[in-house]
Amino acid sequence: MPKLDKVGSHIGMASMKESRQKTSFRFLNHPHIRHLPIIFLLLISGWKGTTALSVNDAAPKYISAVGDPGMRRDALRVAIESWNQCNEVGEEAPSMGSPRAADCFDIYKASPKTNDSRCSLCKLLPYILVHRVTEDDNRLGLGDPFPGGHLAEAGLDVNHYAVLKELYLGAKCQVEDTPSPWHFWMVMLKSGNMDTFAAKCPRNGHRVGPLGPDASFPCFGKGCMNQPLMYHDYTTLQGPNLTTLKGRFYGSWDLDSNSGSSSISSNSSYSSSFYEVTWKKELGKGSWVFHHVLRTSTKYPWLMLYLRSDVTSGFSGGYHYPTRGMSKIIPQSPNFKVRFTLNVIRGGGPNSQFYLMDMGSCWKNNGLPCDGDVTSDVTRYSEMIINPNTTAWCHPDNLNVCPPYHMFPNGTRVHRNETSKFPYGAYHLYCSPGNADHLEAPYSLCDPYSNPQPQEIVQILPHPVWGEYGYPTRQGQGWVGDPRTWELDVGRLSQSLYFYQDSGTPPARRQWMSIDLGTEIFKDPDQVAEWTVSDFDILVQQK
């Protein structure tokens, strides 16, 4: 038998010390969970090795904050999660398990033993993909014990079960690194449907009863907040030379599509909702390319699809449970940049809020970090929308959706009342957290239901005031027909934005636990968005 040598364990500027045989399942504190099951796919490849990534040669003071700089690591780690309107699970889709899944694999090379130059198996099957997450793992649902765990875990409610499942998948995918281990890129799905009679979503973190009819939220009736069907094609080697790595997640929110995965299609004539994320890469060459498709339907007109780099521990943006992710260093304003290549193929219609950059963080109104108290924690979002159909709602006659001031790169602050100086066209909207005590009138409060806690949102548009940060300065830049590689000074821009804080309190540390891009198609059925993302990286200043 040939011996197996792990390949691709050194990438970029970091040395990855990965565990081959065991994964510590620390979050359940079961020390006997040391050998988690893996499945082996034996595949031919013509791979010659990995390419080294030099992170930002032009500015060596920056280092990558992510475990997979520039998405160049052949041994991919990717996961998927799905949320309902208030960022919970609520209920599992039939036969799908808890809406968390992962595709994580390592690559091994078969080489001859000493003094054995023949090794026919080495020639036939020179490379082996070792998948760390099985289909049984991905189908775990409420009531199922985690392998090696206790039955007690199966008795959790559906929301907390999903939390433990994400941590379990993270343990199986974990890569040891400096300064901390990391887990996977995260594909995030969300539906905006809300049953206002079901009392499933809190209001600014407080539980409330049924609301009665509310046209603000789409819902076709009981069950409208369901999780989607979730199917998975494991990564394999494909192509004429078997040198192309490719896999995908896909599915639909329309549960009547559940006649099997083959019935779910991205065909434009298909009337049901649809999502698909396909990842593809040539062995040893370039970046992974993540191809996204999202289609809304009459029953599900408000859908979201993002590709995220979340923190590897603690809370991620909009999520009040422990999470797992790709960001081994938490980026903090003003000292980080984000680099990626984006190609928008189809925009998703006039109500597609396509985010060139979406950042999520959390701090209390007194500036302290969030601690899980959903009544006082506040999710903070900053989003750049590049769909040219999205206009500035902020203008001199509508100051309630403008931030109280704008800060220019030189530090000059201009109040929104200064009509000759304030850049109204730079803002789609600003909304205030629902638990703020000292808001400056006029103001508009953010939707109190679409997060498990109060939220504050700053949505900006292409405008000359953002040019110094590398952002688009006019409508149409980076949109359909204009693919670009962006390097955004996200840290400096996010430091300049207004976010509410109680007066007299020390400024919050603006740490961004989630950095992502993608689209939110807002209450518009039968629309299709399609785009690709590659070369994604977060660069932080080296201390």
Protein backbone atom coordinates (compact mmCIF):
# COMPACT_ATOMS: atom_id res chain seq x y z
CA MET A 1 0.00 0.00 0.00
CA PRO A 2 1.23 3.51 -0.73
CA LYS A 3 1.58 6.03 2.03
CA LEU A 4 -0.57 9.19 2.14
CA ASP A 5 1.07 12.59 2.50
CA LYS A 6 -1.05 15.59 3.32
CA VAL A 7 -0.73 18.41 0.83
CA GLY A 8 -1.64 22.06 0.92
CA SER A 9 -1.08 22.46 4.67
CA HIS A 10 1.06 25.57 4.23
CA ILE A 11 -0.68 28.53 2.65
CA GLY A 12 0.17 32.21 2.43
CA MET A 13 2.18 33.59 5.32
CA ALA A 14 0.76 31.28 7.97
CA SER A 15 1.73 27.71 8.76
CA MET A 16 -1.39 25.61 9.21
CA LYS A 17 -1.01 22.86 11.81
CA GLU A 18 -4.03 20.73 11.09
CA SER A 19 -5.12 17.66 12.99
CA ARG A 20 -5.31 14.60 10.73
CA GLN A 21 -7.03 12.13 12.97
CA LYS A 22 -8.83 13.93 15.75
CA THR A 23 -11.01 16.94 16.35
CA SER A 24 -11.64 18.28 19.85
CA PHE A 25 -15.34 18.79 20.55
CA ARG A 26 -14.70 21.35 23.30
CA PHE A 27 -18.05 23.09 23.26
CA LEU A 28 -19.79 20.02 24.76
CA ASN A 29 -16.84 19.23 27.04
CA HIS A 30 -16.84 15.56 26.12
CA PRO A 31 -13.16 14.54 26.13
CA HIS A 32 -13.96 11.12 24.63
CA ILE A 33 -14.96 12.73 21.34
CA ARG A 34 -11.61 12.47 19.65
CA HIS A 35 -12.24 10.54 16.46
CA LEU A 36 -15.01 11.97 14.35
CA PRO A 37 -16.10 10.07 11.22
CA ILE A 38 -14.84 11.07 7.81
CA ILE A 39 -15.66 9.90 4.32
CA PHE A 40 -13.10 9.32 1.65
CA LEU A 41 -13.51 10.17 -2.01
CA LEU A 42 -10.69 8.71 -4.09
CA LEU A 43 -10.20 10.90 -7.12
CA ILE A 44 -7.62 11.30 -9.88
CA SER A 45 -5.94 14.65 -10.28
CA GLY A 46 -3.07 16.24 -12.09
CA TRP A 47 -2.34 18.71 -9.31
CA LYS A 48 1.23 19.93 -9.02
CA GLY A 49 1.02 21.68 -5.63
CA THR A 50 -0.24 24.82 -3.97
CA THR A 51 0.68 28.38 -4.76
CA ALA A 52 1.93 30.70 -2.08
CA LEU A 53 -0.05 33.86 -1.39
CA SER A 54 1.79 37.05 -0.66
CA VAL A 55 -0.60 39.26 1.27
CA ASN A 56 -0.55 42.88 0.13
CA ASP A 57 3.07 43.08 -1.03
CA ALA A 58 2.68 46.82 -1.58
CA ALA A 59 1.87 47.39 2.09
CA PRO A 60 3.65 44.83 4.27
CA LYS A 61 2.23 46.36 7.44
CA TYR A 62 -1.03 44.57 6.64
CA ILE A 63 -1.65 40.87 7.31
CA SER A 64 -4.63 38.71 6.48
CA ALA A 65 -7.29 38.33 9.16
CA VAL A 66 -8.85 35.28 7.53
CA GLY A 67 -7.79 31.67 7.63
CA ASP A 68 -7.90 31.32 3.84
CA PRO A 69 -6.31 34.52 2.46
CA GLY A 70 -7.67 35.35 -0.97
CA MET A 71 -9.64 32.07 -1.12
CA ARG A 72 -6.61 30.25 -2.54
CA ARG A 73 -6.47 27.21 -0.30
CA ASP A 74 -7.36 24.05 -2.23
CA ALA A 75 -8.57 22.23 0.88
CA LEU A 76 -11.78 24.23 1.18
CA ARG A 77 -13.85 24.94 4.28
CA VAL A 78 -17.39 26.22 3.54
CA ALA A 79 -20.67 26.03 5.47
CA ILE A 80 -24.26 27.18 5.06
CA GLU A 81 -26.80 28.51 7.53
CA SER A 82 -30.40 29.67 7.19
CA TRP A 83 -32.37 32.12 9.32
CA ASN A 84 -35.97 33.21 9.52
CA GLN A 85 -37.03 36.86 9.71
CA CYS A 86 -35.78 37.32 13.29
CA ASN A 87 -32.51 35.40 12.79
CA GLU A 88 -33.71 32.19 14.39
CA VAL A 89 -34.61 28.74 13.07
CA GLY A 90 -38.19 28.54 14.32
CA GLU A 91 -38.88 25.22 12.61
CA GLU A 92 -36.88 22.74 10.53
CA ALA A 93 -37.86 21.91 6.97
CA PRO A 94 -39.17 18.33 6.59
CA SER A 95 -36.41 15.72 6.29
CA MET A 96 -33.72 18.41 6.06
CA GLY A 97 -32.44 18.47 9.62
CA SER A 98 -31.28 21.62 11.34
CA PRO A 99 -30.42 24.30 8.73
CA ARG A 100 -26.66 24.11 9.12
CA ALA A 101 -24.35 22.11 6.83
CA ALA A 102 -20.70 22.08 5.80
CA ASP A 103 -18.33 20.89 3.08
CA CYS A 104 -14.81 20.59 4.48
CA PHE A 105 -12.08 18.41 3.06
CA ASP A 106 -8.34 17.84 3.01
CA ILE A 107 -6.22 16.60 0.13
CA TYR A 108 -3.71 13.78 0.44
CA LYS A 109 -1.21 12.56 -2.11
CA ALA A 110 -0.47 8.89 -2.60
CA SER A 111 3.26 8.27 -2.82
CA PRO A 112 5.25 5.01 -3.09
CA LYS A 113 6.85 3.45 -0.08
CA THR A 114 10.61 3.53 0.23
CA ASN A 115 12.34 1.37 -2.43
CA ASP A 116 9.02 0.90 -4.30
CA SER A 117 9.03 2.89 -7.52
CA ARG A 118 6.20 1.00 -9.19
CA CYS A 119 3.14 1.84 -7.05
CA SER A 120 0.41 1.35 -9.64
CA LEU A 121 -2.19 2.79 -7.25
CA CYS A 122 -0.17 6.00 -6.98
CA LYS A 123 -0.47 6.42 -10.75
CA LEU A 124 -4.15 5.58 -10.88
CA LEU A 125 -5.22 7.54 -7.79
CA PRO A 126 -2.47 10.03 -6.98
CA TYR A 127 -4.70 12.29 -4.86
CA ILE A 128 -7.36 11.63 -2.25
CA LEU A 129 -10.04 14.03 -1.01
CA VAL A 130 -10.85 13.42 2.65
CA HIS A 131 -14.23 14.88 3.57
CA ARG A 132 -14.46 15.73 7.27
CA VAL A 133 -18.25 16.16 7.39
CA THR A 134 -20.57 13.29 6.45
CA GLU A 135 -24.09 13.49 5.07
CA ASP A 136 -25.32 12.11 8.40
CA ASP A 137 -23.64 15.05 10.13
CA ASN A 138 -25.31 17.52 7.79
CA ARG A 139 -28.75 15.94 8.30
CA LEU A 140 -28.64 16.09 12.10
CA GLY A 141 -31.86 17.65 13.39
CA LEU A 142 -33.76 18.30 16.58
CA GLY A 143 -33.95 15.08 18.57
CA ASP A 144 -30.76 13.60 17.11
CA PRO A 145 -27.82 13.22 19.50
CA PHE A 146 -24.50 14.48 18.25
CA PRO A 147 -22.07 11.61 17.57
CA GLY A 148 -20.21 10.95 20.79
CA GLY A 149 -22.44 13.33 22.70
CA HIS A 150 -25.28 12.77 25.15
CA LEU A 151 -28.94 12.36 24.40
CA ALA A 152 -29.57 15.50 26.47
CA GLU A 153 -28.48 17.63 23.54
CA ALA A 154 -31.37 16.24 21.51
CA GLY A 155 -33.87 17.74 23.95
CA LEU A 156 -32.93 21.35 23.22
CA ASP A 157 -35.31 23.69 21.43
CA VAL A 158 -34.86 24.03 17.68
CA ASN A 159 -32.94 27.33 17.90
CA HIS A 160 -30.35 26.15 20.42
CA TYR A 161 -29.95 22.85 18.63
CA ALA A 162 -28.82 24.76 15.51
CA VAL A 163 -26.28 26.61 17.64
CA LEU A 164 -24.70 23.38 18.85
CA LYS A 165 -24.82 21.92 15.36
CA GLU A 166 -22.83 24.87 14.02
CA LEU A 167 -20.25 24.41 16.77
CA TYR A 168 -20.13 20.68 16.07
CA LEU A 169 -19.55 21.24 12.35
CA GLY A 170 -16.95 23.85 13.21
CA ALA A 171 -15.10 21.31 15.35
CA LYS A 172 -14.97 18.88 12.43
CA CYS A 173 -13.75 21.55 10.01
CA GLN A 174 -11.34 23.34 12.36
CA VAL A 175 -7.89 24.30 11.13
CA GLU A 176 -5.23 25.13 13.72
CA ASP A 177 -3.58 28.47 13.03
CA THR A 178 -2.09 31.59 14.61
CA PRO A 179 -3.41 33.51 16.50
CA SER A 180 -6.48 31.23 16.65
CA PRO A 181 -8.07 28.29 14.84
CA TRP A 182 -10.59 28.91 12.08
CA HIS A 183 -13.45 26.96 10.53
CA PHE A 184 -15.19 27.96 7.27
CA TRP A 185 -16.57 30.57 4.93
CA MET A 186 -20.29 30.94 5.68
CA VAL A 187 -23.11 31.07 3.15
CA MET A 188 -26.08 32.80 4.80
CA LEU A 189 -29.71 32.48 3.72
CA LYS A 190 -32.63 34.44 5.12
CA SER A 191 -36.33 34.87 4.38
CA GLY A 192 -38.19 38.05 5.26
CA ASN A 193 -41.55 36.31 5.62
CA MET A 194 -43.11 36.84 9.04
CA ASP A 195 -46.31 35.40 10.45
CA THR A 196 -47.57 38.32 12.54
CA PHE A 197 -50.17 36.06 14.18
CA ALA A 198 -47.61 33.49 15.40
CA ALA A 199 -45.66 35.63 17.91
CA LYS A 200 -42.35 34.08 16.84
CA CYS A 201 -40.23 37.23 16.64
CA PRO A 202 -39.40 39.52 19.57
CA ARG A 203 -39.81 43.27 19.32
CA ASN A 204 -36.47 44.96 20.03
CA GLY A 205 -35.46 41.92 22.05
CA HIS A 206 -38.70 41.68 24.08
CA ARG A 207 -41.14 38.85 23.60
CA VAL A 208 -44.54 40.02 22.37
CA GLY A 209 -47.83 38.37 21.53
CA PRO A 210 -49.55 38.14 18.15
CA LEU A 211 -49.52 41.41 16.25
CA GLY A 212 -52.46 40.84 13.95
CA PRO A 213 -52.37 41.78 10.27
CA ASP A 214 -49.36 43.80 9.12
CA ALA A 215 -48.79 44.41 5.41
CA SER A 216 -45.13 45.28 6.09
CA PHE A 217 -44.27 41.59 6.22
CA PRO A 218 -45.13 39.09 3.50
CA CYS A 219 -46.81 35.88 4.64
CA PHE A 220 -49.07 33.48 2.74
CA GLY A 221 -50.45 31.99 5.95
CA LYS A 222 -49.47 29.43 8.57
CA GLY A 223 -46.01 28.04 7.94
CA CYS A 224 -44.75 31.00 5.91
CA MET A 225 -41.60 31.28 8.09
CA ASN A 226 -40.31 27.83 7.13
CA GLN A 227 -36.67 27.01 6.54
CA PRO A 228 -35.66 26.07 2.99
CA LEU A 229 -34.96 22.73 1.45
CA MET A 230 -31.20 22.30 1.59
CA TYR A 231 -29.31 20.01 -0.80
CA HIS A 232 -25.59 19.46 -1.17
CA ASP A 233 -23.28 18.17 -3.88
CA TYR A 234 -20.03 17.32 -2.14
CA THR A 235 -16.88 18.75 -3.66
CA THR A 236 -15.31 16.40 -6.19
CA LEU A 237 -12.71 16.57 -8.94
CA GLN A 238 -14.29 17.17 -12.33
CA GLY A 239 -13.46 18.27 -15.87
CA PRO A 240 -11.71 16.44 -18.72
CA ASN A 241 -8.47 16.19 -16.76
CA LEU A 242 -10.11 15.82 -13.33
CA THR A 243 -8.27 18.91 -12.11
CA THR A 244 -11.30 21.08 -11.31
CA LEU A 245 -12.64 21.07 -7.76
CA LYS A 246 -16.37 21.79 -7.67
CA GLY A 247 -19.29 21.51 -5.24
CA ARG A 248 -22.50 23.30 -4.33
CA PHE A 249 -25.37 23.97 -1.92
CA TYR A 250 -28.81 24.57 -3.41
CA GLY A 251 -32.52 24.41 -2.61
CA SER A 252 -35.82 26.25 -2.34
CA TRP A 253 -38.10 27.73 0.31
CA ASP A 254 -41.12 26.34 -1.55
CA LEU A 255 -41.60 23.07 0.28
CA ASP A 256 -43.89 21.69 -2.42
CA SER A 257 -40.68 21.43 -4.47
CA ASN A 258 -39.71 18.52 -2.24
CA SER A 259 -40.05 15.78 -4.81
CA GLY A 260 -36.31 15.38 -4.73
CA SER A 261 -33.27 17.52 -5.39
CA SER A 262 -33.49 16.88 -9.13
CA SER A 263 -36.77 18.82 -9.30
CA ILE A 264 -35.15 22.04 -8.07
CA SER A 265 -33.79 24.15 -10.90
CA SER A 266 -32.33 27.56 -11.63
CA ASN A 267 -34.26 27.65 -14.92
CA SER A 268 -35.91 31.04 -15.32
CA SER A 269 -39.22 29.38 -16.25
CA TYR A 270 -39.33 27.65 -12.87
CA SER A 271 -41.79 29.55 -10.66
CA SER A 272 -40.58 28.54 -7.20
CA SER A 273 -37.94 30.23 -5.09
CA PHE A 274 -34.41 29.02 -5.58
CA TYR A 275 -30.90 29.50 -4.25
CA GLU A 276 -27.61 28.02 -5.32
CA VAL A 277 -24.01 28.59 -4.34
CA THR A 278 -21.42 26.73 -6.41
CA TRP A 279 -17.71 26.82 -5.65
CA LYS A 280 -15.10 26.00 -8.26
CA LYS A 281 -11.31 26.03 -8.43
CA GLU A 282 -8.45 24.63 -10.47
CA LEU A 283 -6.10 22.56 -8.34
CA GLY A 284 -3.09 24.59 -7.30
CA LYS A 285 -4.18 27.66 -9.27
CA GLY A 286 -5.83 30.95 -8.35
CA SER A 287 -8.84 31.58 -6.18
CA TRP A 288 -12.04 29.74 -5.51
CA VAL A 289 -14.91 31.30 -7.45
CA PHE A 290 -18.22 31.30 -5.59
CA HIS A 291 -21.14 31.53 -8.00
CA HIS A 292 -24.46 32.64 -6.45
CA VAL A 293 -28.03 32.52 -7.75
CA LEU A 294 -31.10 33.73 -5.85
CA ARG A 295 -34.68 33.75 -7.13
CA THR A 296 -37.76 35.03 -5.31
CA SER A 297 -41.29 33.72 -5.77
CA THR A 298 -44.86 34.80 -5.06
CA LYS A 299 -44.82 33.01 -1.70
CA TYR A 300 -41.27 34.09 -0.86
CA PRO A 301 -40.74 37.60 -2.28
CA TRP A 302 -38.20 38.78 0.33
CA LEU A 303 -35.03 36.68 0.32
CA MET A 304 -31.36 37.20 1.16
CA LEU A 305 -28.15 35.42 0.20
CA TYR A 306 -24.69 36.45 1.45
CA LEU A 307 -21.17 35.07 1.60
CA ARG A 308 -19.70 35.90 4.99
CA SER A 309 -16.47 35.87 6.90
CA ASP A 310 -17.60 35.54 10.51
CA VAL A 311 -15.51 35.50 13.65
CA THR A 312 -14.28 32.14 14.87
CA SER A 313 -15.80 32.54 18.34
CA GLY A 314 -18.26 34.78 20.11
CA PHE A 315 -21.19 36.54 18.43
CA SER A 316 -21.35 37.25 14.70
CA GLY A 317 -23.30 40.14 13.19
CA GLY A 318 -27.03 39.79 13.90
CA TYR A 319 -26.56 36.54 15.84
CA HIS A 320 -26.78 36.31 19.61
CA TYR A 321 -25.36 32.81 19.93
CA PRO A 322 -21.78 31.47 19.76
CA THR A 323 -20.68 31.15 16.14
CA ARG A 324 -17.89 29.74 14.00
CA GLY A 325 -16.25 31.29 10.97
CA MET A 326 -13.24 32.36 8.94
CA SER A 327 -12.03 35.57 10.63
CA LYS A 328 -9.25 34.49 13.00
CA ILE A 329 -8.56 38.17 13.80
CA ILE A 330 -11.50 40.52 14.43
CA PRO A 331 -11.15 43.59 12.17
CA GLN A 332 -11.50 46.86 14.06
CA SER A 333 -12.05 50.38 12.75
CA PRO A 334 -10.15 52.22 11.43
CA ASN A 335 -7.33 49.78 10.70
CA PHE A 336 -8.48 47.25 8.11
CA LYS A 337 -9.25 46.83 4.43
CA VAL A 338 -11.30 44.31 2.44
CA ARG A 339 -10.28 42.99 -0.96
CA PHE A 340 -12.37 40.86 -3.36
CA THR A 341 -13.43 40.43 -6.98
CA LEU A 342 -17.14 40.83 -7.75
CA ASN A 343 -18.97 40.15 -11.00
CA VAL A 344 -22.70 40.96 -10.91
CA ILE A 345 -24.30 38.99 -13.76
CA ARG A 346 -27.98 39.64 -13.02
CA GLY A 347 -29.01 42.33 -10.56
CA GLY A 348 -32.20 40.91 -9.08
CA GLY A 349 -34.61 43.64 -10.15
CA PRO A 350 -35.25 47.20 -8.93
CA ASN A 351 -35.70 46.17 -5.28
CA SER A 352 -32.50 44.16 -5.03
CA GLN A 353 -30.42 45.82 -2.33
CA PHE A 354 -27.12 44.44 -3.53
CA TYR A 355 -24.46 45.02 -0.91
CA LEU A 356 -20.97 45.64 -2.22
CA MET A 357 -20.00 45.54 1.43
CA ASP A 358 -22.10 44.62 4.46
CA MET A 359 -20.60 44.80 7.94
CA GLY A 360 -22.19 43.56 11.14
CA SER A 361 -21.16 44.34 14.71
CA CYS A 362 -22.70 44.61 18.14
CA TRP A 363 -22.28 47.00 21.04
CA LYS A 364 -24.55 48.49 23.66
CA ASN A 365 -25.74 52.06 23.58
CA ASN A 366 -23.33 52.87 26.41
CA GLY A 367 -20.42 51.67 24.26
CA LEU A 368 -19.83 48.38 26.09
CA PRO A 369 -19.48 45.13 24.13
CA CYS A 370 -22.54 42.95 23.70
CA ASP A 371 -22.98 40.18 26.26
CA GLY A 372 -26.01 38.28 24.97
CA ASP A 373 -28.69 40.38 26.68
CA VAL A 374 -30.99 40.93 23.70
CA THR A 375 -32.82 43.81 25.37
CA SER A 376 -29.69 45.98 25.68
CA ASP A 377 -27.41 44.61 22.93
CA VAL A 378 -27.69 46.42 19.60
CA THR A 379 -26.73 45.01 16.21
CA ARG A 380 -24.97 47.66 14.08
CA TYR A 381 -24.93 47.39 10.30
CA SER A 382 -23.16 49.39 7.61
CA GLU A 383 -24.08 48.55 4.01
CA MET A 384 -23.07 49.95 0.61
CA ILE A 385 -25.84 49.35 -1.98
CA ILE A 386 -24.67 49.40 -5.61
CA ASN A 387 -27.95 48.71 -7.43
CA PRO A 388 -28.47 51.91 -9.53
CA ASN A 389 -32.22 51.58 -8.95
CA THR A 390 -31.71 52.29 -5.25
CA THR A 391 -32.00 56.03 -4.62
CA ALA A 392 -31.25 58.32 -1.70
CA TRP A 393 -34.21 58.54 0.63
CA CYS A 394 -32.16 60.97 2.69
CA HIS A 395 -32.72 64.56 1.52
CA PRO A 396 -33.39 67.95 3.12
CA ASP A 397 -37.14 67.33 3.28
CA ASN A 398 -36.75 63.87 4.79
CA LEU A 399 -34.16 64.29 7.53
CA ASN A 400 -35.57 61.47 9.67
CA VAL A 401 -33.75 58.93 7.46
CA CYS A 402 -30.46 60.87 7.45
CA PRO A 403 -27.77 60.35 10.08
CA PRO A 404 -27.41 63.40 12.35
CA TYR A 405 -24.05 64.23 10.78
CA HIS A 406 -21.61 63.22 8.07
CA MET A 407 -17.88 63.09 8.71
CA PHE A 408 -15.51 63.80 5.83
CA PRO A 409 -12.12 62.02 5.57
CA ASN A 410 -10.34 65.06 7.06
CA GLY A 411 -12.45 64.79 10.22
CA THR A 412 -14.82 67.67 9.43
CA ARG A 413 -18.37 67.03 10.65
CA VAL A 414 -21.35 68.46 8.83
CA HIS A 415 -24.79 68.38 10.45
CA ARG A 416 -27.72 67.21 8.34
CA ASN A 417 -29.34 70.64 8.68
CA GLU A 418 -26.49 72.24 6.71
CA THR A 419 -28.18 71.79 3.36
CA SER A 420 -25.37 73.33 1.31
CA LYS A 421 -22.72 70.97 2.72
CA PHE A 422 -24.38 67.71 3.79
CA PRO A 423 -24.03 64.93 1.13
CA TYR A 424 -27.64 63.73 1.15
CA GLY A 425 -27.12 61.67 -2.00
CA ALA A 426 -24.55 59.50 -0.22
CA TYR A 427 -27.20 57.92 2.03
CA HIS A 428 -30.03 55.60 1.10
CA LEU A 429 -31.27 55.60 4.68
CA TYR A 430 -30.29 55.68 8.31
CA CYS A 431 -32.47 54.21 11.07
CA SER A 432 -32.02 54.33 14.83
CA PRO A 433 -32.06 51.52 17.41
CA GLY A 434 -35.42 51.05 19.10
CA ASN A 435 -33.93 51.07 22.62
CA ALA A 436 -32.06 54.39 22.32
CA ASP A 437 -33.09 56.92 24.97
CA HIS A 438 -31.74 60.19 23.61
CA LEU A 439 -32.37 60.33 19.86
CA GLU A 440 -32.09 63.56 17.96
CA ALA A 441 -35.39 64.43 16.30
CA PRO A 442 -36.49 63.82 13.65
CA TYR A 443 -35.67 60.11 13.53
CA SER A 444 -36.90 56.79 12.17
CA LEU A 445 -36.57 53.58 14.13
CA CYS A 446 -35.25 50.41 12.52
CA ASP A 447 -37.49 47.40 12.00
CA PRO A 448 -37.88 46.01 15.54
CA TYR A 449 -38.51 42.41 14.43
CA SER A 450 -35.84 41.43 11.90
CA ASN A 451 -33.12 40.92 14.51
CA PRO A 452 -33.26 39.13 17.86
CA GLN A 453 -32.30 42.46 19.44
CA PRO A 454 -32.56 46.15 18.50
CA GLN A 455 -30.60 47.20 15.44
CA GLU A 456 -29.10 50.31 13.85
CA ILE A 457 -28.52 50.51 10.10
CA VAL A 458 -26.51 52.89 7.92
CA GLN A 459 -27.07 52.26 4.20
CA ILE A 460 -24.86 54.25 1.85
CA LEU A 461 -24.79 54.70 -1.93
CA PRO A 462 -22.04 55.34 -4.51
CA HIS A 463 -21.02 58.98 -4.11
CA PRO A 464 -17.86 61.10 -4.44
CA VAL A 465 -17.55 61.44 -0.64
CA TRP A 466 -16.63 57.74 -0.41
CA GLY A 467 -13.99 57.83 -3.14
CA GLU A 468 -11.04 58.28 -0.80
CA TYR A 469 -11.95 54.94 0.80
CA GLY A 470 -11.91 53.10 -2.53
CA TYR A 471 -15.70 52.81 -2.77
CA PRO A 472 -17.67 53.56 -5.97
CA THR A 473 -18.25 57.25 -6.56
CA ARG A 474 -21.13 57.05 -9.03
CA GLN A 475 -24.07 54.80 -9.82
CA GLY A 476 -23.29 51.88 -12.09
CA GLN A 477 -19.73 51.28 -10.95
CA GLY A 478 -19.32 47.61 -10.11
CA TRP A 479 -22.78 46.77 -11.39
CA VAL A 480 -23.91 44.43 -14.20
CA GLY A 481 -21.34 44.47 -17.00
CA ASP A 482 -18.65 46.09 -14.85
CA PRO A 483 -16.82 43.34 -12.92
CA ARG A 484 -14.08 44.69 -10.67
CA THR A 485 -11.53 43.80 -8.07
CA TRP A 486 -12.09 46.10 -5.10
CA GLU A 487 -9.80 47.10 -2.28
CA LEU A 488 -11.96 49.02 0.17
CA ASP A 489 -10.67 50.94 3.15
CA VAL A 490 -13.57 49.62 5.17
CA GLY A 491 -11.92 50.39 8.49
CA ARG A 492 -11.53 54.12 7.87
CA LEU A 493 -14.96 54.49 6.31
CA SER A 494 -16.71 52.62 9.12
CA GLN A 495 -14.88 54.73 11.69
CA SER A 496 -16.28 57.89 10.07
CA LEU A 497 -19.92 56.76 10.04
CA TYR A 498 -22.40 57.97 12.61
CA PHE A 499 -23.68 55.35 15.06
CA TYR A 500 -25.81 56.22 18.06
CA GLN A 501 -24.29 56.20 21.51
CA ASP A 502 -25.50 57.60 24.83
CA SER A 503 -23.86 60.93 25.57
CA GLY A 504 -21.03 60.92 28.09
CA THR A 505 -20.10 57.29 27.49
CA PRO A 506 -16.69 56.17 26.18
CA PRO A 507 -16.65 55.45 22.43
CA ALA A 508 -17.38 51.85 21.50
CA ARG A 509 -14.66 49.74 19.92
CA ARG A 510 -15.99 49.21 16.43
CA GLN A 511 -15.11 45.57 15.91
CA TRP A 512 -16.82 43.97 12.92
CA MET A 513 -17.61 40.34 13.61
CA SER A 514 -19.14 39.73 10.17
CA ILE A 515 -17.93 41.01 6.81
CA ASP A 516 -20.00 39.89 3.85
CA LEU A 517 -21.46 40.74 0.45
CA GLY A 518 -24.53 39.63 -1.44
CA THR A 519 -28.10 40.74 -1.99
CA GLU A 520 -31.42 41.26 -0.25
CA ILE A 521 -34.28 41.16 -2.75
CA PHE A 522 -36.93 43.18 -0.96
CA LYS A 523 -40.54 42.09 -1.44
CA ASP A 524 -40.30 41.57 -5.20
CA PRO A 525 -41.42 38.15 -6.53
CA ASP A 526 -40.02 36.39 -9.61
CA GLN A 527 -36.69 38.22 -9.61
CA VAL A 528 -33.32 36.60 -10.17
CA ALA A 529 -29.92 37.78 -8.96
CA GLU A 530 -26.68 36.14 -10.04
CA TRP A 531 -23.09 37.01 -9.17
CA THR A 532 -19.63 35.61 -8.46
CA VAL A 533 -17.15 36.39 -5.68
CA SER A 534 -13.47 35.45 -5.59
CA ASP A 535 -10.15 36.60 -4.06
CA PHE A 536 -11.86 37.59 -0.80
CA ASP A 537 -9.55 38.79 1.96
CA ILE A 538 -9.63 41.01 5.05
CA LEU A 539 -6.38 42.84 5.75
CA VAL A 540 -5.58 44.24 9.19
CA GLN A 541 -2.68 46.39 10.26
CA GLN A 542 0.05 44.34 11.83
CA LYS A 543 0.75 45.36 15.38
